[in-house]
């Protein structure tokens, strides 16, 4: 999976286009402003990454493991 840029505003319009294409996301019309590419990046790439990340956390069992306690006397 390509690296994800957390702040897409730091990218140029051409770089945003390239990043969107890496993720196979259809581009807006060629006359669209940079803001349209930023919003698309945020909505399609960053949102998907957050969902993917949070699903990893949810897969961790919240049930505590039982510990076997041994008792012995001296």
N, C-alpha and C. Protein backbone atom coordinates (compact mmCIF):
# COMPACT_ATOMS: atom_id res chain seq x y z
N UNK A 1 0.85 -1.18 0.00
CA UNK A 1 0.00 0.00 0.00
C UNK A 1 0.90 1.24 0.00
N UNK A 2 0.57 2.21 -0.83
CA UNK A 2 1.38 3.44 -0.87
C UNK A 2 1.33 4.18 0.47
N UNK A 3 2.38 4.94 0.73
CA UNK A 3 2.42 5.74 1.96
C UNK A 3 1.34 6.80 1.93
N UNK A 4 0.78 7.08 3.08
CA UNK A 4 -0.31 8.06 3.17
C UNK A 4 0.22 9.35 3.79
N UNK A 5 -0.04 10.45 3.11
CA UNK A 5 0.34 11.78 3.59
C UNK A 5 -0.78 12.27 4.49
N UNK A 6 -0.47 12.62 5.72
CA UNK A 6 -1.49 13.05 6.68
C UNK A 6 -2.00 14.46 6.42
N UNK A 7 -1.19 15.31 5.79
CA UNK A 7 -1.60 16.69 5.51
C UNK A 7 -1.55 16.91 4.00
N UNK A 8 -2.64 16.61 3.30
CA UNK A 8 -2.63 16.75 1.85
C UNK A 8 -2.49 18.19 1.36
N UNK A 9 -2.69 19.18 2.23
CA UNK A 9 -2.55 20.58 1.80
C UNK A 9 -1.09 20.90 1.49
N UNK A 10 -0.18 20.08 1.99
CA UNK A 10 1.25 20.32 1.73
C UNK A 10 1.68 19.82 0.34
N UNK A 11 0.80 19.08 -0.33
CA UNK A 11 1.12 18.54 -1.65
C UNK A 11 0.70 19.49 -2.76
N UNK A 12 1.39 19.42 -3.89
CA UNK A 12 0.99 20.20 -5.06
C UNK A 12 -0.22 19.51 -5.70
N UNK A 13 -0.89 20.22 -6.57
CA UNK A 13 -2.03 19.65 -7.28
C UNK A 13 -1.60 18.42 -8.09
N UNK A 14 -0.45 18.50 -8.75
CA UNK A 14 0.04 17.36 -9.54
C UNK A 14 0.35 16.17 -8.64
N UNK A 15 0.92 16.43 -7.48
CA UNK A 15 1.23 15.34 -6.54
C UNK A 15 -0.06 14.72 -6.00
N UNK A 16 -1.06 15.55 -5.72
CA UNK A 16 -2.35 15.04 -5.27
C UNK A 16 -2.97 14.12 -6.33
N UNK A 17 -2.89 14.56 -7.58
CA UNK A 17 -3.41 13.74 -8.69
C UNK A 17 -2.71 12.38 -8.71
N UNK A 18 -1.39 12.41 -8.58
CA UNK A 18 -0.61 11.17 -8.62
C UNK A 18 -0.98 10.25 -7.45
N UNK A 19 -1.15 10.84 -6.27
CA UNK A 19 -1.51 10.04 -5.09
C UNK A 19 -2.89 9.41 -5.25
N UNK A 20 -3.84 10.18 -5.76
CA UNK A 20 -5.19 9.65 -5.99
C UNK A 20 -5.16 8.51 -7.00
N UNK A 21 -4.36 8.66 -8.03
CA UNK A 21 -4.24 7.61 -9.04
C UNK A 21 -3.63 6.34 -8.47
N UNK A 22 -2.68 6.47 -7.54
CA UNK A 22 -2.07 5.30 -6.90
C UNK A 22 -3.13 4.44 -6.20
N UNK A 23 -4.16 5.10 -5.67
CA UNK A 23 -5.23 4.41 -4.97
C UNK A 23 -6.43 4.10 -5.89
N UNK A 24 -6.24 4.29 -7.18
CA UNK A 24 -7.29 4.02 -8.18
C UNK A 24 -8.57 4.81 -7.92
N UNK A 25 -8.40 6.05 -7.51
CA UNK A 25 -9.55 6.93 -7.27
C UNK A 25 -9.74 7.81 -8.49
N UNK A 26 -10.95 7.82 -9.06
CA UNK A 26 -11.22 8.67 -10.22
C UNK A 26 -10.98 10.14 -9.90
N UNK A 27 -10.34 10.83 -10.81
CA UNK A 27 -10.00 12.24 -10.62
C UNK A 27 -11.16 13.15 -10.99
N UNK A 28 -11.22 14.32 -10.36
CA UNK A 28 -12.22 15.31 -10.75
C UNK A 28 -11.86 15.89 -12.13
N UNK A 29 -12.71 16.71 -12.70
CA UNK A 29 -12.39 17.33 -14.00
C UNK A 29 -11.05 18.06 -13.95
N UNK A 30 -10.36 18.12 -15.06
CA UNK A 30 -9.02 18.71 -15.11
C UNK A 30 -9.00 20.19 -14.71
N UNK A 31 -10.14 20.87 -14.84
CA UNK A 31 -10.17 22.29 -14.47
C UNK A 31 -10.52 22.50 -12.99
N UNK A 32 -10.62 21.40 -12.21
CA UNK A 32 -10.93 21.51 -10.78
C UNK A 32 -9.77 22.16 -10.03
N UNK A 33 -10.11 22.89 -9.00
CA UNK A 33 -9.09 23.56 -8.19
C UNK A 33 -8.45 22.56 -7.22
N UNK A 34 -7.32 22.96 -6.67
CA UNK A 34 -6.57 22.12 -5.74
C UNK A 34 -7.45 21.66 -4.57
N UNK A 35 -8.33 22.54 -4.10
CA UNK A 35 -9.21 22.19 -2.98
C UNK A 35 -10.06 20.95 -3.26
N UNK A 36 -10.48 20.78 -4.51
CA UNK A 36 -11.27 19.60 -4.87
C UNK A 36 -10.44 18.33 -4.71
N UNK A 37 -9.16 18.39 -5.07
CA UNK A 37 -8.27 17.24 -4.93
C UNK A 37 -7.99 16.96 -3.45
N UNK A 38 -7.85 18.02 -2.66
CA UNK A 38 -7.60 17.86 -1.23
C UNK A 38 -8.81 17.18 -0.57
N UNK A 39 -10.00 17.64 -0.87
CA UNK A 39 -11.21 17.04 -0.29
C UNK A 39 -11.36 15.58 -0.71
N UNK A 40 -11.07 15.30 -1.95
CA UNK A 40 -11.14 13.92 -2.44
C UNK A 40 -10.14 13.04 -1.70
N UNK A 41 -8.94 13.55 -1.52
CA UNK A 41 -7.89 12.83 -0.78
C UNK A 41 -8.34 12.56 0.65
N UNK A 42 -8.87 13.58 1.30
CA UNK A 42 -9.32 13.43 2.69
C UNK A 42 -10.46 12.42 2.79
N UNK A 43 -11.44 12.53 1.88
CA UNK A 43 -12.63 11.69 1.95
C UNK A 43 -12.39 10.24 1.53
N UNK A 44 -11.49 10.04 0.61
CA UNK A 44 -11.28 8.68 0.09
C UNK A 44 -10.09 7.97 0.71
N UNK A 45 -9.00 8.68 0.91
CA UNK A 45 -7.77 8.02 1.39
C UNK A 45 -7.64 8.12 2.90
N UNK A 46 -7.71 9.32 3.44
CA UNK A 46 -7.54 9.46 4.89
C UNK A 46 -8.67 8.80 5.66
N UNK A 47 -9.90 8.94 5.19
CA UNK A 47 -11.04 8.34 5.88
C UNK A 47 -10.93 6.82 5.85
N UNK A 48 -10.55 6.26 4.71
CA UNK A 48 -10.38 4.81 4.60
C UNK A 48 -9.27 4.32 5.51
N UNK A 49 -8.19 5.09 5.62
CA UNK A 49 -7.08 4.71 6.48
C UNK A 49 -7.52 4.71 7.94
N UNK A 50 -8.29 5.71 8.33
CA UNK A 50 -8.78 5.76 9.72
C UNK A 50 -9.69 4.58 10.01
N UNK A 51 -10.55 4.23 9.08
CA UNK A 51 -11.45 3.09 9.28
C UNK A 51 -10.66 1.80 9.38
N UNK A 52 -9.67 1.67 8.54
CA UNK A 52 -8.84 0.47 8.57
C UNK A 52 -8.09 0.38 9.89
N UNK A 53 -7.58 1.48 10.36
CA UNK A 53 -6.83 1.51 11.62
C UNK A 53 -7.75 1.18 12.79
N UNK A 54 -8.93 1.78 12.83
CA UNK A 54 -9.82 1.54 13.96
C UNK A 54 -10.32 0.11 13.97
N UNK A 55 -10.49 -0.51 12.80
CA UNK A 55 -10.96 -1.89 12.79
C UNK A 55 -9.91 -2.82 13.38
N UNK A 56 -8.63 -2.47 13.25
CA UNK A 56 -7.58 -3.27 13.87
C UNK A 56 -7.72 -3.23 15.39
N UNK A 57 -8.02 -2.07 15.92
CA UNK A 57 -8.16 -1.94 17.37
C UNK A 57 -9.36 -2.72 17.87
N UNK A 58 -10.45 -2.73 17.10
CA UNK A 58 -11.65 -3.42 17.53
C UNK A 58 -11.48 -4.93 17.54
N UNK A 59 -10.52 -5.44 16.78
CA UNK A 59 -10.35 -6.88 16.73
C UNK A 59 -9.65 -7.42 17.97
N UNK A 60 -9.11 -6.54 18.78
CA UNK A 60 -8.47 -6.96 20.02
C UNK A 60 -9.56 -7.33 21.01
N UNK A 61 -9.43 -8.49 21.59
CA UNK A 61 -10.45 -8.98 22.51
C UNK A 61 -10.49 -8.11 23.76
N UNK A 62 -11.68 -7.75 24.16
CA UNK A 62 -11.82 -6.95 25.38
C UNK A 62 -12.03 -7.85 26.59
N UNK A 63 -12.13 -9.15 26.36
CA UNK A 63 -12.31 -10.09 27.45
C UNK A 63 -10.96 -10.36 28.11
N UNK A 64 -10.88 -10.12 29.40
CA UNK A 64 -9.59 -10.38 30.05
C UNK A 64 -9.28 -11.87 30.06
N UNK A 65 -8.02 -12.18 29.97
CA UNK A 65 -7.60 -13.58 30.01
C UNK A 65 -7.61 -14.03 31.46
N UNK A 66 -8.02 -15.28 31.66
CA UNK A 66 -8.01 -15.83 33.01
C UNK A 66 -6.62 -16.31 33.33
N UNK A 67 -6.23 -16.02 34.53
CA UNK A 67 -4.92 -16.45 34.98
C UNK A 67 -5.10 -17.64 35.91
N UNK A 68 -4.27 -18.62 35.72
CA UNK A 68 -4.31 -19.78 36.58
C UNK A 68 -3.47 -19.46 37.82
N UNK A 69 -4.10 -19.60 38.95
CA UNK A 69 -3.40 -19.30 40.19
C UNK A 69 -3.18 -20.62 40.93
N UNK A 70 -1.94 -20.85 41.24
CA UNK A 70 -1.66 -22.08 41.98
C UNK A 70 -1.51 -21.74 43.46
N UNK A 71 -2.00 -22.59 44.29
CA UNK A 71 -1.86 -22.39 45.73
C UNK A 71 -1.08 -23.56 46.31
N UNK A 72 -0.15 -23.25 47.08
CA UNK A 72 0.59 -24.30 47.78
C UNK A 72 1.02 -23.78 49.13
N UNK A 73 1.18 -24.67 50.06
CA UNK A 73 1.56 -24.27 51.42
C UNK A 73 2.98 -24.71 51.70
N UNK A 74 3.56 -23.93 52.54
CA UNK A 74 4.93 -24.28 52.95
C UNK A 74 4.88 -25.02 54.26
